[in-house]
Amino acid sequence: ASKQDRLMASRRSAVASGERREVIQAFESSVFDKEVISLSGTEEAIVRGGRDLFDKLPAAFQGIKQIGVIGWGSQAPAQAQNLRESLEGTDIKVKIGLRPESSSWASA
């Protein structure tokens, strides 16, 4: 069985038995290797990052023209900038989304 199949089977098992364990962040990727980790009793599907994976970004975002970063909290500026730099040389735009009345509107 694939990792995704095992992840979904684990989730069904937890739900059927009434366990509080929850699997979150389930996703598919034909570009990156996905793994399941346990954090405080919650299983999460992740992709481990690294500069060695940068060359896979165009394939991962194939067909995507724009990515929105929603919010402008303490980490969003750095995350948006890192994403912009990682996608440099592609036609993908990274934009920030905020409510006009947001307290961080001027900063963004």
C-alpha atoms as a PDB file:
ATOM      1  CA  ALA A   1       0.000   0.000   0.000  1.00  0.00           C
ATOM      2  CA  SER A   2       1.151   3.534  -0.734  1.00  0.00           C
ATOM      3  CA  LYS A   3       1.932   6.027   2.020  1.00  0.00           C
ATOM      4  CA  GLN A   4      -1.319   7.864   1.197  1.00  0.00           C
ATOM      5  CA  ASP A   5      -3.308   4.628   1.492  1.00  0.00           C
ATOM      6  CA  ARG A   6      -1.698   3.868   4.875  1.00  0.00           C
ATOM      7  CA  LEU A   7      -2.381   7.433   6.035  1.00  0.00           C
ATOM      8  CA  MET A   8      -6.045   7.249   5.090  1.00  0.00           C
ATOM      9  CA  ALA A   9      -6.409   3.739   6.601  1.00  0.00           C
ATOM     10  CA  SER A  10      -4.906   5.040   9.842  1.00  0.00           C
ATOM     11  CA  ARG A  11      -7.384   7.905   9.870  1.00  0.00           C
ATOM     12  CA  ARG A  12     -10.354   5.596   9.221  1.00  0.00           C
ATOM     13  CA  SER A  13      -9.137   3.282  11.981  1.00  0.00           C
ATOM     14  CA  ALA A  14      -8.822   6.137  14.468  1.00  0.00           C
ATOM     15  CA  VAL A  15     -12.286   7.447  13.613  1.00  0.00           C
ATOM     16  CA  ALA A  16     -13.871   3.971  13.798  1.00  0.00           C
ATOM     17  CA  SER A  17     -12.338   3.256  17.203  1.00  0.00           C
ATOM     18  CA  GLY A  18     -13.266   6.654  18.629  1.00  0.00           C
ATOM     19  CA  GLU A  19      -9.643   7.601  19.261  1.00  0.00           C
ATOM     20  CA  ARG A  20      -8.797  11.275  19.519  1.00  0.00           C
ATOM     21  CA  ARG A  21      -5.843  10.707  17.204  1.00  0.00           C
ATOM     22  CA  GLU A  22      -6.355  12.709  14.052  1.00  0.00           C
ATOM     23  CA  VAL A  23      -4.548  12.743  10.736  1.00  0.00           C
ATOM     24  CA  ILE A  24      -4.319  16.213   9.287  1.00  0.00           C
ATOM     25  CA  GLN A  25      -2.696  17.803   6.282  1.00  0.00           C
ATOM     26  CA  ALA A  26      -3.491  14.899   3.940  1.00  0.00           C
ATOM     27  CA  PHE A  27      -2.371  15.769   0.407  1.00  0.00           C
ATOM     28  CA  GLU A  28      -1.088  14.226  -2.787  1.00  0.00           C
ATOM     29  CA  SER A  29       2.260  14.935  -4.439  1.00  0.00           C
ATOM     30  CA  SER A  30       3.656  13.406  -7.583  1.00  0.00           C
ATOM     31  CA  VAL A  31       6.784  15.571  -7.251  1.00  0.00           C
ATOM     32  CA  PHE A  32       7.896  15.325  -3.613  1.00  0.00           C
ATOM     33  CA  ASP A  33       8.207  12.342  -1.269  1.00  0.00           C
ATOM     34  CA  LYS A  34       5.673  12.571   1.523  1.00  0.00           C
ATOM     35  CA  GLU A  35       6.042  11.070   4.978  1.00  0.00           C
ATOM     36  CA  VAL A  36       3.779  10.779   8.007  1.00  0.00           C
ATOM     37  CA  ILE A  37       5.048  11.974  11.375  1.00  0.00           C
ATOM     38  CA  SER A  38       3.412  12.015  14.798  1.00  0.00           C
ATOM     39  CA  LEU A  39       3.242  15.251  16.770  1.00  0.00           C
ATOM     40  CA  SER A  40       1.642  14.988  20.221  1.00  0.00           C
ATOM     41  CA  GLY A  41      -0.571  12.119  19.120  1.00  0.00           C
ATOM     42  CA  THR A  42      -1.594  13.760  15.859  1.00  0.00           C
ATOM     43  CA  GLU A  43      -0.304  12.323  12.625  1.00  0.00           C
ATOM     44  CA  GLU A  44       0.639  14.809   9.939  1.00  0.00           C
ATOM     45  CA  ALA A  45       1.700  14.270   6.357  1.00  0.00           C
ATOM     46  CA  ILE A  46       4.746  16.381   5.530  1.00  0.00           C
ATOM     47  CA  VAL A  47       7.355  17.004   2.861  1.00  0.00           C
ATOM     48  CA  ARG A  48      10.823  17.624   4.257  1.00  0.00           C
ATOM     49  CA  GLY A  49      12.314  20.659   2.606  1.00  0.00           C
ATOM     50  CA  GLY A  50      15.804  21.559   1.605  1.00  0.00           C
ATOM     51  CA  ARG A  51      17.736  23.468  -1.006  1.00  0.00           C
ATOM     52  CA  ASP A  52      18.285  20.205  -2.854  1.00  0.00           C
ATOM     53  CA  LEU A  53      14.565  20.249  -3.735  1.00  0.00           C
ATOM     54  CA  PHE A  54      14.482  23.759  -5.274  1.00  0.00           C
ATOM     55  CA  ASP A  55      14.859  22.386  -8.791  1.00  0.00           C
ATOM     56  CA  LYS A  56      11.568  20.491  -8.306  1.00  0.00           C
ATOM     57  CA  LEU A  57       9.535  23.643  -7.568  1.00  0.00           C
ATOM     58  CA  PRO A  58       8.581  24.422 -11.193  1.00  0.00           C
ATOM     59  CA  ALA A  59       7.165  20.893 -11.571  1.00  0.00           C
ATOM     60  CA  ALA A  60       5.370  21.122  -8.217  1.00  0.00           C
ATOM     61  CA  PHE A  61       3.731  24.408  -9.215  1.00  0.00           C
ATOM     62  CA  GLN A  62       3.083  23.458 -12.844  1.00  0.00           C
ATOM     63  CA  GLY A  63       0.003  25.302 -14.082  1.00  0.00           C
ATOM     64  CA  ILE A  64       0.022  27.729 -11.116  1.00  0.00           C
ATOM     65  CA  LYS A  65       0.245  31.404 -12.075  1.00  0.00           C
ATOM     66  CA  GLN A  66      -0.175  33.023  -8.673  1.00  0.00           C
ATOM     67  CA  ILE A  67       0.190  32.025  -5.000  1.00  0.00           C
ATOM     68  CA  GLY A  68      -1.478  33.964  -2.203  1.00  0.00           C
ATOM     69  CA  VAL A  69      -0.041  34.300   1.286  1.00  0.00           C
ATOM     70  CA  ILE A  70      -2.967  35.128   3.550  1.00  0.00           C
ATOM     71  CA  GLY A  71      -2.230  37.293   6.569  1.00  0.00           C
ATOM     72  CA  TRP A  72       0.807  39.266   7.623  1.00  0.00           C
ATOM     73  CA  GLY A  73       1.673  37.892  11.055  1.00  0.00           C
ATOM     74  CA  SER A  74       5.161  37.531  12.457  1.00  0.00           C
ATOM     75  CA  GLN A  75       6.308  34.881   9.955  1.00  0.00           C
ATOM     76  CA  ALA A  76       4.358  35.776   6.802  1.00  0.00           C
ATOM     77  CA  PRO A  77       6.772  38.430   5.446  1.00  0.00           C
ATOM     78  CA  ALA A  78       9.710  36.017   5.577  1.00  0.00           C
ATOM     79  CA  GLN A  79       7.666  33.113   4.187  1.00  0.00           C
ATOM     80  CA  ALA A  80       6.362  35.210   1.295  1.00  0.00           C
ATOM     81  CA  GLN A  81       9.863  36.507   0.502  1.00  0.00           C
ATOM     82  CA  ASN A  82      11.366  33.001   0.667  1.00  0.00           C
ATOM     83  CA  LEU A  83       8.680  31.748  -1.695  1.00  0.00           C
ATOM     84  CA  ARG A  84       9.291  34.637  -4.097  1.00  0.00           C
ATOM     85  CA  GLU A  85      13.026  33.950  -4.101  1.00  0.00           C
ATOM     86  CA  SER A  86      12.518  30.194  -4.505  1.00  0.00           C
ATOM     87  CA  LEU A  87      10.323  30.795  -7.554  1.00  0.00           C
ATOM     88  CA  GLU A  88      12.649  33.381  -9.110  1.00  0.00           C
ATOM     89  CA  GLY A  89      13.000  32.760 -12.805  1.00  0.00           C
ATOM     90  CA  THR A  90       9.453  31.417 -13.135  1.00  0.00           C
ATOM     91  CA  ASP A  91       6.322  33.318 -14.141  1.00  0.00           C
ATOM     92  CA  ILE A  92       4.622  32.578 -10.803  1.00  0.00           C
ATOM     93  CA  LYS A  93       3.609  35.638  -8.773  1.00  0.00           C
ATOM     94  CA  VAL A  94       3.444  35.621  -4.967  1.00  0.00           C
ATOM     95  CA  LYS A  95       0.896  38.034  -3.490  1.00  0.00           C
ATOM     96  CA  ILE A  96      -0.189  38.929   0.026  1.00  0.00           C
ATOM     97  CA  GLY A  97      -3.855  38.856   1.014  1.00  0.00           C
ATOM     98  CA  LEU A  98      -5.171  41.055   3.826  1.00  0.00           C
ATOM     99  CA  ARG A  99      -8.415  42.671   4.856  1.00  0.00           C
ATOM    100  CA  PRO A 100      -8.278  46.446   4.221  1.00  0.00           C
ATOM    101  CA  GLU A 101      -9.034  47.081   7.908  1.00  0.00           C
ATOM    102  CA  SER A 102      -6.180  44.814   9.029  1.00  0.00           C
ATOM    103  CA  SER A 103      -3.835  46.387  11.559  1.00  0.00           C
ATOM    104  CA  SER A 104      -0.866  45.245   9.444  1.00  0.00           C
ATOM    105  CA  TRP A 105      -2.180  46.703   6.148  1.00  0.00           C
ATOM    106  CA  ALA A 106       0.416  49.495   6.068  1.00  0.00           C
ATOM    107  CA  SER A 107       3.301  47.117   6.853  1.00  0.00           C
ATOM    108  CA  ALA A 108       2.379  44.707   4.061  1.00  0.00           C
END
